[in-house]
Amino acid sequence: PAGFTDTYVKLRFGDVVRAYTLRSVDREGGRLTVDFVVHGDHGVAGPWAAAAQPGDRISCLHPGGEWAPRPSADAHLLVGDEAAFPAIGSALEVLLAARPDAAALVFAEVEQPGDEYPFATGPGVDIRWVYRDGGPYGAHLVAEVLAHGWPGGDVEAFVHGNAEMVRPVRRYLLRDIGMPRQNLSISGYWRAGHTDEAWRAVKKEFNALMEQESGR
């Protein structure tokens, strides 16, 4: 789909299907760019990507997407871990192309210094790297977001990544800050301790619980 910065596709690795956000789309050249995080031989996509050679084939299924930054907003909050970086990167590029002085605050979590992602930046972009340093996914990231003073005005937020990070940030933005629901794009892309299949099996129930906590 055109116009979204969180566009994703489902890739088939043998009998296994996984969804990945597209980093970029070259429609004229017929090329899709997908970022993979490689954790040694763990997982499905990482080992495939590490061993892939030019000419190797992979099936691409069911593209989708539903969000893009609104350049007219006074400020943007973009929060995520490595799973959200392609969407955050695309959002920053689209936002800065439309409005070079756009205000955007990015909280990005990686394991350690040296793992940072090459985000586009501008005079109004503040990128804050949060390091796990062997700690649990999302814990430091949540603390940094909740401790940050909140600006007034029309603020738009994109919060994606580990479900255990998304949950308290959603509650904070909607219940404590009072952000309008339509200004927030939020999703647990994955959940620590769950395979992709196990997470999809309980995600609907998890989302319902989040809605109860925030009242909307």
N, C-alpha and C. Protein backbone atom coordinates (compact mmCIF):
# COMPACT_ATOMS: atom_id res chain seq x y z
N PRO A 1 0.82 -1.21 0.00
CA PRO A 1 0.00 0.00 0.00
C PRO A 1 0.86 1.26 0.00
N ALA A 2 0.45 2.26 -0.76
CA ALA A 2 1.21 3.50 -0.85
C ALA A 2 0.81 4.45 0.28
N GLY A 3 1.75 5.29 0.70
CA GLY A 3 1.43 6.35 1.64
C GLY A 3 1.64 6.03 3.10
N PHE A 4 1.95 4.79 3.45
CA PHE A 4 2.16 4.42 4.85
C PHE A 4 3.66 4.24 5.14
N THR A 5 4.05 4.57 6.37
CA THR A 5 5.45 4.35 6.76
C THR A 5 5.62 3.11 7.62
N ASP A 6 4.52 2.43 7.91
CA ASP A 6 4.61 1.15 8.64
C ASP A 6 4.20 -0.02 7.75
N THR A 7 4.37 0.14 6.44
CA THR A 7 4.01 -0.92 5.50
C THR A 7 4.80 -2.20 5.81
N TYR A 8 4.10 -3.31 5.80
CA TYR A 8 4.74 -4.58 6.10
C TYR A 8 4.38 -5.62 5.04
N VAL A 9 5.17 -6.66 4.98
CA VAL A 9 4.87 -7.81 4.14
C VAL A 9 5.08 -9.07 4.98
N LYS A 10 4.49 -10.14 4.55
CA LYS A 10 4.73 -11.44 5.18
C LYS A 10 5.67 -12.23 4.28
N LEU A 11 6.76 -12.69 4.88
CA LEU A 11 7.77 -13.44 4.15
C LEU A 11 7.69 -14.91 4.55
N ARG A 12 7.82 -15.78 3.56
CA ARG A 12 7.74 -17.21 3.82
C ARG A 12 9.14 -17.83 3.78
N PHE A 13 9.49 -18.46 4.90
CA PHE A 13 10.75 -19.20 5.00
C PHE A 13 10.39 -20.68 5.14
N GLY A 14 10.31 -21.37 4.01
CA GLY A 14 9.85 -22.75 4.05
C GLY A 14 8.39 -22.80 4.48
N ASP A 15 8.11 -23.47 5.59
CA ASP A 15 6.75 -23.55 6.10
C ASP A 15 6.43 -22.45 7.11
N VAL A 16 7.39 -21.59 7.39
CA VAL A 16 7.23 -20.55 8.41
C VAL A 16 6.99 -19.21 7.74
N VAL A 17 6.00 -18.45 8.25
CA VAL A 17 5.68 -17.13 7.72
C VAL A 17 5.88 -16.10 8.83
N ARG A 18 6.58 -15.01 8.52
CA ARG A 18 6.80 -13.94 9.47
C ARG A 18 6.50 -12.60 8.81
N ALA A 19 5.98 -11.63 9.59
CA ALA A 19 5.69 -10.29 9.08
C ALA A 19 6.87 -9.37 9.38
N TYR A 20 7.23 -8.54 8.39
CA TYR A 20 8.34 -7.59 8.55
C TYR A 20 7.96 -6.25 7.96
N THR A 21 8.32 -5.19 8.68
CA THR A 21 8.10 -3.84 8.17
C THR A 21 9.10 -3.55 7.07
N LEU A 22 8.65 -2.91 6.01
CA LEU A 22 9.54 -2.54 4.92
C LEU A 22 10.31 -1.29 5.29
N ARG A 23 11.59 -1.30 5.03
CA ARG A 23 12.40 -0.10 5.27
C ARG A 23 12.20 0.90 4.15
N SER A 24 12.10 0.43 2.93
CA SER A 24 11.86 1.31 1.80
C SER A 24 11.27 0.51 0.64
N VAL A 25 10.62 1.24 -0.26
CA VAL A 25 10.01 0.63 -1.44
C VAL A 25 10.42 1.43 -2.67
N ASP A 26 11.02 0.78 -3.63
CA ASP A 26 11.36 1.39 -4.91
C ASP A 26 10.39 0.82 -5.93
N ARG A 27 9.31 1.56 -6.16
CA ARG A 27 8.25 1.05 -7.04
C ARG A 27 8.71 0.99 -8.49
N GLU A 28 9.48 1.98 -8.93
CA GLU A 28 9.94 1.97 -10.31
C GLU A 28 10.94 0.84 -10.56
N GLY A 29 11.82 0.62 -9.61
CA GLY A 29 12.82 -0.43 -9.77
C GLY A 29 12.36 -1.80 -9.33
N GLY A 30 11.15 -1.86 -8.71
CA GLY A 30 10.62 -3.14 -8.25
C GLY A 30 11.44 -3.75 -7.13
N ARG A 31 11.87 -2.90 -6.18
CA ARG A 31 12.74 -3.40 -5.10
C ARG A 31 12.17 -3.04 -3.74
N LEU A 32 12.18 -4.02 -2.82
CA LEU A 32 11.80 -3.82 -1.43
C LEU A 32 13.04 -3.97 -0.57
N THR A 33 13.18 -3.12 0.45
CA THR A 33 14.28 -3.25 1.39
C THR A 33 13.72 -3.63 2.75
N VAL A 34 14.24 -4.72 3.32
CA VAL A 34 13.80 -5.22 4.62
C VAL A 34 15.03 -5.36 5.52
N ASP A 35 14.95 -4.82 6.74
CA ASP A 35 16.03 -4.98 7.71
C ASP A 35 15.77 -6.23 8.56
N PHE A 36 16.79 -7.05 8.74
CA PHE A 36 16.72 -8.20 9.63
C PHE A 36 17.72 -8.03 10.77
N VAL A 37 17.32 -8.39 11.97
CA VAL A 37 18.24 -8.43 13.10
C VAL A 37 18.75 -9.87 13.23
N VAL A 38 20.06 -10.03 13.23
CA VAL A 38 20.65 -11.37 13.28
C VAL A 38 21.16 -11.65 14.69
N HIS A 39 20.66 -12.72 15.29
CA HIS A 39 21.10 -13.16 16.61
C HIS A 39 21.76 -14.54 16.47
N GLY A 40 22.89 -14.59 15.80
CA GLY A 40 23.55 -15.87 15.59
C GLY A 40 22.68 -16.80 14.77
N ASP A 41 22.50 -18.02 15.25
CA ASP A 41 21.66 -18.99 14.54
C ASP A 41 20.26 -19.06 15.12
N HIS A 42 19.89 -18.07 15.95
CA HIS A 42 18.57 -18.07 16.58
C HIS A 42 17.53 -17.51 15.61
N GLY A 43 16.34 -18.08 15.64
CA GLY A 43 15.24 -17.57 14.84
C GLY A 43 15.22 -18.15 13.43
N VAL A 44 14.42 -17.51 12.58
CA VAL A 44 14.21 -17.99 11.23
C VAL A 44 14.81 -17.04 10.20
N ALA A 45 14.42 -15.77 10.27
CA ALA A 45 14.84 -14.81 9.25
C ALA A 45 16.31 -14.44 9.36
N GLY A 46 16.82 -14.28 10.59
CA GLY A 46 18.21 -13.88 10.76
C GLY A 46 19.19 -14.83 10.10
N PRO A 47 19.12 -16.13 10.41
CA PRO A 47 20.03 -17.07 9.75
C PRO A 47 19.87 -17.09 8.23
N TRP A 48 18.61 -16.96 7.76
CA TRP A 48 18.40 -16.92 6.31
C TRP A 48 19.10 -15.71 5.71
N ALA A 49 18.91 -14.53 6.33
CA ALA A 49 19.50 -13.31 5.80
C ALA A 49 21.03 -13.37 5.84
N ALA A 50 21.59 -13.95 6.90
CA ALA A 50 23.04 -14.02 7.03
C ALA A 50 23.66 -14.90 5.94
N ALA A 51 22.91 -15.90 5.50
CA ALA A 51 23.44 -16.83 4.50
C ALA A 51 22.98 -16.51 3.08
N ALA A 52 22.09 -15.53 2.91
CA ALA A 52 21.50 -15.25 1.60
C ALA A 52 22.55 -14.77 0.60
N GLN A 53 22.36 -15.16 -0.65
CA GLN A 53 23.23 -14.76 -1.74
C GLN A 53 22.39 -14.11 -2.83
N PRO A 54 22.98 -13.21 -3.63
CA PRO A 54 22.23 -12.62 -4.75
C PRO A 54 21.60 -13.71 -5.61
N GLY A 55 20.33 -13.54 -5.89
CA GLY A 55 19.61 -14.53 -6.69
C GLY A 55 18.77 -15.48 -5.88
N ASP A 56 19.00 -15.56 -4.56
CA ASP A 56 18.15 -16.40 -3.72
C ASP A 56 16.73 -15.87 -3.74
N ARG A 57 15.76 -16.77 -3.65
CA ARG A 57 14.36 -16.39 -3.74
C ARG A 57 13.66 -16.53 -2.39
N ILE A 58 12.66 -15.67 -2.19
CA ILE A 58 11.83 -15.73 -0.99
C ILE A 58 10.43 -15.27 -1.37
N SER A 59 9.41 -15.87 -0.79
CA SER A 59 8.03 -15.51 -1.11
C SER A 59 7.59 -14.33 -0.27
N CYS A 60 6.88 -13.40 -0.91
CA CYS A 60 6.39 -12.18 -0.26
C CYS A 60 4.87 -12.17 -0.36
N LEU A 61 4.17 -12.07 0.78
CA LEU A 61 2.72 -12.22 0.83
C LEU A 61 2.05 -11.05 1.55
N HIS A 62 0.82 -10.80 1.20
CA HIS A 62 -0.13 -9.99 1.97
C HIS A 62 0.44 -8.67 2.51
N PRO A 63 0.79 -7.71 1.66
CA PRO A 63 1.27 -6.43 2.18
C PRO A 63 0.16 -5.67 2.89
N GLY A 64 0.55 -4.86 3.87
CA GLY A 64 -0.42 -4.05 4.61
C GLY A 64 0.26 -2.84 5.21
N GLY A 65 -0.52 -2.01 5.89
CA GLY A 65 -0.01 -0.80 6.52
C GLY A 65 -1.17 0.11 6.87
N GLU A 66 -0.96 1.00 7.85
CA GLU A 66 -2.09 1.84 8.26
C GLU A 66 -1.69 3.17 8.86
N TRP A 67 -0.41 3.51 8.90
CA TRP A 67 -0.01 4.75 9.58
C TRP A 67 1.08 5.49 8.82
N ALA A 68 1.02 6.81 8.92
CA ALA A 68 2.09 7.69 8.46
C ALA A 68 2.03 8.94 9.32
N PRO A 69 3.16 9.59 9.57
CA PRO A 69 3.14 10.79 10.40
C PRO A 69 2.38 11.92 9.73
N ARG A 70 1.74 12.73 10.55
CA ARG A 70 0.99 13.89 10.08
C ARG A 70 1.87 15.12 10.22
N PRO A 71 2.39 15.66 9.12
CA PRO A 71 3.34 16.77 9.22
C PRO A 71 2.79 18.00 9.93
N SER A 72 1.48 18.18 9.94
CA SER A 72 0.89 19.37 10.56
C SER A 72 0.89 19.31 12.09
N ALA A 73 1.17 18.15 12.69
CA ALA A 73 1.21 18.05 14.15
C ALA A 73 2.33 18.93 14.70
N ASP A 74 2.12 19.42 15.93
CA ASP A 74 3.14 20.28 16.56
C ASP A 74 4.40 19.50 16.88
N ALA A 75 4.25 18.24 17.27
CA ALA A 75 5.41 17.42 17.64
C ALA A 75 5.06 15.95 17.46
N HIS A 76 6.10 15.13 17.35
CA HIS A 76 5.93 13.69 17.18
C HIS A 76 6.78 12.95 18.19
N LEU A 77 6.20 11.91 18.78
CA LEU A 77 6.91 11.01 19.68
C LEU A 77 7.01 9.65 19.00
N LEU A 78 8.22 9.15 18.84
CA LEU A 78 8.46 7.86 18.19
C LEU A 78 9.23 6.98 19.15
N VAL A 79 8.63 5.85 19.55
CA VAL A 79 9.22 4.99 20.58
C VAL A 79 9.27 3.56 20.06
N GLY A 80 10.43 2.91 20.23
CA GLY A 80 10.48 1.51 19.81
C GLY A 80 11.83 0.87 20.04
N ASP A 81 11.85 -0.45 19.89
CA ASP A 81 13.09 -1.22 19.91
C ASP A 81 13.47 -1.58 18.48
N GLU A 82 14.40 -2.50 18.31
CA GLU A 82 14.90 -2.82 16.98
C GLU A 82 13.80 -3.22 16.01
N ALA A 83 12.76 -3.87 16.49
CA ALA A 83 11.68 -4.31 15.60
C ALA A 83 10.94 -3.14 14.96
N ALA A 84 10.97 -1.98 15.62
CA ALA A 84 10.24 -0.82 15.12
C ALA A 84 11.11 0.14 14.32
N PHE A 85 12.42 -0.10 14.26
CA PHE A 85 13.31 0.87 13.63
C PHE A 85 13.01 1.12 12.15
N PRO A 86 12.68 0.10 11.35
CA PRO A 86 12.36 0.40 9.95
C PRO A 86 11.19 1.37 9.81
N ALA A 87 10.14 1.19 10.61
CA ALA A 87 8.98 2.08 10.54
C ALA A 87 9.33 3.47 11.06
N ILE A 88 10.10 3.54 12.15
CA ILE A 88 10.51 4.85 12.68
C ILE A 88 11.40 5.56 11.67
N GLY A 89 12.34 4.82 11.07
CA GLY A 89 13.21 5.42 10.07
C GLY A 89 12.44 5.97 8.88
N SER A 90 11.48 5.21 8.38
CA SER A 90 10.66 5.67 7.26
C SER A 90 9.83 6.88 7.65
N ALA A 91 9.28 6.87 8.88
CA ALA A 91 8.47 7.99 9.34
C ALA A 91 9.29 9.27 9.40
N LEU A 92 10.51 9.20 9.92
CA LEU A 92 11.36 10.38 10.00
C LEU A 92 11.68 10.92 8.61
N GLU A 93 11.97 10.05 7.67
CA GLU A 93 12.29 10.50 6.32
C GLU A 93 11.11 11.19 5.66
N VAL A 94 9.92 10.60 5.79
CA VAL A 94 8.72 11.20 5.20
C VAL A 94 8.39 12.52 5.89
N LEU A 95 8.50 12.54 7.20
CA LEU A 95 8.19 13.75 7.97
C LEU A 95 9.13 14.89 7.60
N LEU A 96 10.43 14.62 7.54
CA LEU A 96 11.40 15.67 7.24
C LEU A 96 11.32 16.13 5.80
N ALA A 97 10.92 15.24 4.89
CA ALA A 97 10.75 15.65 3.50
C ALA A 97 9.59 16.62 3.36
N ALA A 98 8.54 16.42 4.16
CA ALA A 98 7.37 17.29 4.11
C ALA A 98 7.57 18.56 4.92
N ARG A 99 8.37 18.45 5.99
CA ARG A 99 8.55 19.59 6.89
C ARG A 99 9.94 19.49 7.52
N PRO A 100 10.95 20.09 6.91
CA PRO A 100 12.33 19.95 7.38
C PRO A 100 12.56 20.38 8.82
N ASP A 101 11.72 21.27 9.34
CA ASP A 101 11.89 21.74 10.72
C ASP A 101 10.98 21.00 11.70
N ALA A 102 10.42 19.87 11.29
CA ALA A 102 9.48 19.13 12.14
C ALA A 102 10.13 18.76 13.47
N ALA A 103 9.32 18.83 14.54
CA ALA A 103 9.78 18.45 15.87
C ALA A 103 9.46 16.98 16.12
N ALA A 104 10.48 16.20 16.41
CA ALA A 104 10.29 14.77 16.68
C ALA A 104 11.22 14.33 17.79
N LEU A 105 10.66 13.64 18.77
CA LEU A 105 11.44 13.07 19.86
C LEU A 105 11.41 11.55 19.71
N VAL A 106 12.60 10.94 19.59
CA VAL A 106 12.72 9.50 19.37
C VAL A 106 13.37 8.86 20.59
N PHE A 107 12.70 7.85 21.15
CA PHE A 107 13.31 7.00 22.17
C PHE A 107 13.53 5.64 21.51
N ALA A 108 14.79 5.26 21.35
CA ALA A 108 15.13 4.04 20.62
C ALA A 108 15.99 3.13 21.49
N GLU A 109 15.55 1.89 21.65
CA GLU A 109 16.25 0.94 22.52
C GLU A 109 17.08 -0.05 21.72
N VAL A 110 18.36 -0.17 22.12
CA VAL A 110 19.25 -1.19 21.57
C VAL A 110 20.00 -1.85 22.73
N GLU A 111 20.74 -2.89 22.43
CA GLU A 111 21.43 -3.62 23.50
C GLU A 111 22.57 -2.82 24.11
N GLN A 112 23.40 -2.19 23.27
CA GLN A 112 24.60 -1.54 23.80
C GLN A 112 25.08 -0.46 22.84
N PRO A 113 25.95 0.45 23.30
CA PRO A 113 26.54 1.43 22.40
C PRO A 113 27.22 0.74 21.22
N GLY A 114 27.05 1.31 20.05
CA GLY A 114 27.55 0.69 18.83
C GLY A 114 26.47 0.01 18.03
N ASP A 115 25.31 -0.22 18.66
CA ASP A 115 24.19 -0.87 17.97
C ASP A 115 23.19 0.13 17.39
N GLU A 116 23.50 1.42 17.45
CA GLU A 116 22.55 2.44 17.01
C GLU A 116 22.20 2.29 15.53
N TYR A 117 21.03 2.79 15.17
CA TYR A 117 20.48 2.68 13.82
C TYR A 117 20.63 4.03 13.12
N PRO A 118 20.89 4.05 11.81
CA PRO A 118 21.11 5.32 11.10
C PRO A 118 19.82 6.04 10.74
N PHE A 119 19.20 6.67 11.72
CA PHE A 119 17.98 7.44 11.46
C PHE A 119 18.31 8.77 10.78
N ALA A 120 17.39 9.23 9.94
CA ALA A 120 17.48 10.59 9.40
C ALA A 120 17.25 11.57 10.54
N THR A 121 17.86 12.74 10.44
CA THR A 121 17.69 13.72 11.50
C THR A 121 17.58 15.12 10.91
N GLY A 122 17.20 16.07 11.74
CA GLY A 122 17.03 17.45 11.33
C GLY A 122 17.13 18.35 12.54
N PRO A 123 16.99 19.65 12.37
CA PRO A 123 17.15 20.58 13.49
C PRO A 123 16.15 20.38 14.62
N GLY A 124 14.99 19.81 14.30
CA GLY A 124 13.97 19.60 15.33
C GLY A 124 13.89 18.18 15.84
N VAL A 125 14.82 17.32 15.42
CA VAL A 125 14.77 15.90 15.79
C VAL A 125 15.73 15.63 16.95
N ASP A 126 15.21 15.03 18.00
CA ASP A 126 15.98 14.67 19.19
C ASP A 126 15.93 13.15 19.34
N ILE A 127 17.06 12.48 19.10
CA ILE A 127 17.12 11.02 19.19
C ILE A 127 17.82 10.62 20.47
N ARG A 128 17.13 9.88 21.31
CA ARG A 128 17.67 9.45 22.60
C ARG A 128 17.82 7.93 22.61
N TRP A 129 19.04 7.48 22.67
CA TRP A 129 19.33 6.05 22.68
C TRP A 129 19.25 5.50 24.09
N VAL A 130 18.56 4.40 24.23
CA VAL A 130 18.39 3.74 25.52
C VAL A 130 19.02 2.35 25.40
N TYR A 131 19.92 2.02 26.31
CA TYR A 131 20.67 0.76 26.23
C TYR A 131 20.18 -0.25 27.26
N ARG A 132 19.92 -1.46 26.79
CA ARG A 132 19.49 -2.53 27.71
C ARG A 132 20.64 -3.00 28.59
N ASP A 133 21.83 -3.10 28.02
CA ASP A 133 23.01 -3.55 28.77
C ASP A 133 22.74 -4.85 29.52
N GLY A 134 22.09 -5.78 28.86
CA GLY A 134 21.81 -7.07 29.47
C GLY A 134 20.55 -7.11 30.30
N GLY A 135 19.88 -5.99 30.45
CA GLY A 135 18.64 -5.94 31.22
C GLY A 135 17.46 -6.41 30.41
N PRO A 136 16.28 -6.44 31.01
CA PRO A 136 15.08 -6.90 30.31
C PRO A 136 14.67 -5.95 29.20
N TYR A 137 14.13 -6.51 28.15
CA TYR A 137 13.64 -5.69 27.04
C TYR A 137 12.59 -4.70 27.53
N GLY A 138 12.76 -3.43 27.17
CA GLY A 138 11.75 -2.42 27.41
C GLY A 138 11.80 -1.72 28.74
N ALA A 139 12.46 -2.27 29.75
CA ALA A 139 12.41 -1.70 31.10
C ALA A 139 13.00 -0.29 31.13
N HIS A 140 14.20 -0.12 30.61
CA HIS A 140 14.83 1.20 30.60
C HIS A 140 14.08 2.16 29.67
N LEU A 141 13.57 1.63 28.58
CA LEU A 141 12.86 2.46 27.61
C LEU A 141 11.60 3.05 28.23
N VAL A 142 10.83 2.23 28.92
CA VAL A 142 9.62 2.72 29.60
C VAL A 142 9.98 3.79 30.61
N ALA A 143 11.02 3.56 31.40
CA ALA A 143 11.41 4.52 32.42
C ALA A 143 11.78 5.87 31.80
N GLU A 144 12.49 5.85 30.69
CA GLU A 144 12.90 7.10 30.03
C GLU A 144 11.69 7.86 29.50
N VAL A 145 10.76 7.16 28.87
CA VAL A 145 9.58 7.82 28.31
C VAL A 145 8.72 8.42 29.41
N LEU A 146 8.48 7.66 30.47
CA LEU A 146 7.62 8.14 31.55
C LEU A 146 8.25 9.28 32.33
N ALA A 147 9.58 9.36 32.34
CA ALA A 147 10.25 10.43 33.08
C ALA A 147 10.36 11.72 32.29
N HIS A 148 10.06 11.67 31.01
CA HIS A 148 10.22 12.84 30.16
C HIS A 148 9.06 13.82 30.33
N GLY A 149 9.37 15.09 30.43
CA GLY A 149 8.32 16.11 30.49
C GLY A 149 7.56 16.16 29.18
N TRP A 150 6.26 16.35 29.26
CA TRP A 150 5.42 16.26 28.08
C TRP A 150 5.08 17.64 27.53
N PRO A 151 5.31 17.89 26.22
CA PRO A 151 4.98 19.20 25.65
C PRO A 151 3.48 19.36 25.45
N GLY A 152 3.02 20.58 25.40
CA GLY A 152 1.62 20.82 25.09
C GLY A 152 1.40 20.84 23.59
N GLY A 153 0.19 21.12 23.20
CA GLY A 153 -0.13 21.21 21.78
C GLY A 153 -0.56 19.90 21.18
N ASP A 154 -0.56 19.87 19.86
CA ASP A 154 -1.01 18.73 19.08
C ASP A 154 0.15 17.76 18.89
N VAL A 155 0.21 16.71 19.71
CA VAL A 155 1.31 15.75 19.66
C VAL A 155 0.80 14.42 19.12
N GLU A 156 1.58 13.84 18.23
CA GLU A 156 1.25 12.54 17.64
C GLU A 156 2.30 11.53 18.08
N ALA A 157 1.88 10.29 18.37
CA ALA A 157 2.82 9.29 18.88
C ALA A 157 2.73 7.99 18.09
N PHE A 158 3.90 7.37 17.92
CA PHE A 158 4.03 6.05 17.30
C PHE A 158 4.85 5.21 18.27
N VAL A 159 4.23 4.18 18.87
CA VAL A 159 4.88 3.36 19.89
C VAL A 159 4.71 1.89 19.50
N HIS A 160 5.80 1.26 19.07
CA HIS A 160 5.73 -0.12 18.60
C HIS A 160 6.95 -0.89 19.08
N GLY A 161 6.79 -2.21 19.26
CA GLY A 161 7.90 -3.04 19.69
C GLY A 161 7.44 -4.10 20.68
N ASN A 162 8.27 -4.36 21.68
CA ASN A 162 7.97 -5.37 22.69
C ASN A 162 6.66 -5.04 23.41
N ALA A 163 5.77 -6.00 23.50
CA ALA A 163 4.45 -5.78 24.10
C ALA A 163 4.55 -5.29 25.54
N GLU A 164 5.54 -5.77 26.29
CA GLU A 164 5.67 -5.38 27.69
C GLU A 164 6.16 -3.95 27.84
N MET A 165 6.71 -3.37 26.79
CA MET A 165 7.04 -1.95 26.76
C MET A 165 5.84 -1.12 26.33
N VAL A 166 5.15 -1.61 25.32
CA VAL A 166 4.01 -0.89 24.75
C VAL A 166 2.91 -0.67 25.79
N ARG A 167 2.66 -1.66 26.60
CA ARG A 167 1.54 -1.61 27.54
C ARG A 167 1.61 -0.43 28.51
N PRO A 168 2.69 -0.23 29.28
CA PRO A 168 2.72 0.91 30.20
C PRO A 168 2.82 2.25 29.49
N VAL A 169 3.46 2.30 28.33
CA VAL A 169 3.54 3.57 27.60
C VAL A 169 2.16 3.97 27.09
N ARG A 170 1.40 3.01 26.59
CA ARG A 170 0.03 3.29 26.15
C ARG A 170 -0.81 3.84 27.29
N ARG A 171 -0.72 3.18 28.44
CA ARG A 171 -1.47 3.61 29.61
C ARG A 171 -1.08 5.03 30.02
N TYR A 172 0.20 5.32 29.99
CA TYR A 172 0.71 6.65 30.35
C TYR A 172 0.19 7.72 29.40
N LEU A 173 0.27 7.46 28.10
CA LEU A 173 -0.12 8.47 27.12
C LEU A 173 -1.63 8.73 27.14
N LEU A 174 -2.42 7.69 27.21
CA LEU A 174 -3.87 7.86 27.13
C LEU A 174 -4.50 8.25 28.46
N ARG A 175 -4.10 7.60 29.53
CA ARG A 175 -4.75 7.84 30.82
C ARG A 175 -4.10 9.00 31.59
N ASP A 176 -2.79 9.01 31.66
CA ASP A 176 -2.11 10.02 32.47
C ASP A 176 -1.93 11.34 31.74
N ILE A 177 -1.53 11.28 30.48
CA ILE A 177 -1.30 12.49 29.70
C ILE A 177 -2.59 12.99 29.06
N GLY A 178 -3.49 12.08 28.72
CA GLY A 178 -4.73 12.46 28.08
C GLY A 178 -4.61 12.67 26.58
N MET A 179 -3.67 11.98 25.95
CA MET A 179 -3.52 12.09 24.50
C MET A 179 -4.77 11.57 23.80
N PRO A 180 -5.28 12.27 22.80
CA PRO A 180 -6.43 11.76 22.03
C PRO A 180 -6.07 10.42 21.38
N ARG A 181 -6.98 9.47 21.44
CA ARG A 181 -6.70 8.13 20.92
C ARG A 181 -6.33 8.17 19.45
N GLN A 182 -6.93 9.07 18.68
CA GLN A 182 -6.64 9.13 17.25
C GLN A 182 -5.23 9.63 16.95
N ASN A 183 -4.54 10.17 17.96
CA ASN A 183 -3.17 10.66 17.77
C ASN A 183 -2.13 9.59 18.06
N LEU A 184 -2.57 8.40 18.42
CA LEU A 184 -1.65 7.36 18.86
C LEU A 184 -1.73 6.12 17.97
N SER A 185 -0.57 5.72 17.42
CA SER A 185 -0.44 4.43 16.75
C SER A 185 0.40 3.55 17.65
N ILE A 186 -0.14 2.41 18.06
CA ILE A 186 0.56 1.59 19.05
C ILE A 186 0.30 0.12 18.80
N SER A 187 1.37 -0.69 18.93
CA SER A 187 1.20 -2.13 18.69
C SER A 187 2.37 -2.89 19.30
N GLY A 188 2.05 -4.02 19.91
CA GLY A 188 3.09 -4.93 20.36
C GLY A 188 3.49 -5.83 19.20
N TYR A 189 4.61 -5.54 18.58
CA TYR A 189 5.07 -6.36 17.46
C TYR A 189 5.43 -7.77 17.91
N TRP A 190 5.93 -7.88 19.14
CA TRP A 190 6.40 -9.17 19.63
C TRP A 190 6.32 -9.15 21.16
N ARG A 191 6.55 -10.31 21.77
CA ARG A 191 6.51 -10.39 23.24
C ARG A 191 7.60 -11.34 23.72
N ALA A 192 8.39 -10.87 24.67
CA ALA A 192 9.49 -11.68 25.19
C ALA A 192 8.97 -13.00 25.75
N GLY A 193 9.66 -14.08 25.45
CA GLY A 193 9.28 -15.39 25.94
C GLY A 193 8.22 -16.09 25.11
N HIS A 194 7.80 -15.46 24.00
CA HIS A 194 6.77 -16.04 23.13
C HIS A 194 7.32 -16.21 21.72
N THR A 195 7.03 -17.33 21.10
CA THR A 195 7.27 -17.44 19.67
C THR A 195 6.27 -16.54 18.95
N ASP A 196 6.51 -16.31 17.67
CA ASP A 196 5.58 -15.48 16.91
C ASP A 196 4.18 -16.09 16.93
N GLU A 197 4.10 -17.41 16.79
CA GLU A 197 2.79 -18.08 16.78
C GLU A 197 2.11 -17.97 18.14
N ALA A 198 2.87 -18.14 19.22
CA ALA A 198 2.29 -18.04 20.56
C ALA A 198 1.81 -16.63 20.85
N TRP A 199 2.55 -15.63 20.38
CA TRP A 199 2.14 -14.24 20.61
C TRP A 199 0.87 -13.92 19.84
N ARG A 200 0.79 -14.35 18.60
CA ARG A 200 -0.43 -14.08 17.83
C ARG A 200 -1.65 -14.74 18.44
N ALA A 201 -1.45 -15.86 19.11
CA ALA A 201 -2.58 -16.58 19.72
C ALA A 201 -3.18 -15.83 20.90
N VAL A 202 -2.39 -14.99 21.57
CA VAL A 202 -2.89 -14.28 22.76
C VAL A 202 -2.93 -12.77 22.57
N LYS A 203 -2.54 -12.27 21.39
CA LYS A 203 -2.43 -10.83 21.20
C LYS A 203 -3.78 -10.12 21.34
N LYS A 204 -4.84 -10.72 20.83
CA LYS A 204 -6.16 -10.09 20.92
C LYS A 204 -6.56 -9.89 22.38
N GLU A 205 -6.34 -10.91 23.20
CA GLU A 205 -6.66 -10.81 24.63
C GLU A 205 -5.78 -9.76 25.31
N PHE A 206 -4.51 -9.71 24.95
CA PHE A 206 -3.58 -8.73 25.51
C PHE A 206 -4.03 -7.31 25.16
N ASN A 207 -4.43 -7.09 23.90
CA ASN A 207 -4.88 -5.77 23.48
C ASN A 207 -6.15 -5.35 24.22
N ALA A 208 -7.05 -6.30 24.45
CA ALA A 208 -8.27 -5.98 25.20
C ALA A 208 -7.95 -5.55 26.62
N LEU A 209 -6.96 -6.20 27.23
CA LEU A 209 -6.55 -5.83 28.58
C LEU A 209 -5.95 -4.43 28.59
N MET A 210 -5.16 -4.08 27.59
CA MET A 210 -4.60 -2.74 27.51
C MET A 210 -5.70 -1.69 27.40
N GLU A 211 -6.71 -1.97 26.62
CA GLU A 211 -7.81 -1.03 26.46
C GLU A 211 -8.56 -0.83 27.77
N GLN A 212 -8.73 -1.90 28.53
CA GLN A 212 -9.38 -1.79 29.84
C GLN A 212 -8.57 -0.90 30.78
N GLU A 213 -7.26 -1.06 30.76
CA GLU A 213 -6.39 -0.31 31.66
C GLU A 213 -6.43 1.19 31.38
N SER A 214 -6.48 1.55 30.11
CA SER A 214 -6.44 2.97 29.76
C SER A 214 -7.83 3.57 29.58
N GLY A 215 -8.86 2.71 29.59
CA GLY A 215 -10.22 3.20 29.44
C GLY A 215 -10.62 3.47 28.01
N ARG A 216 -9.73 3.20 27.05
CA ARG A 216 -10.05 3.40 25.63
C ARG A 216 -9.00 2.74 24.76
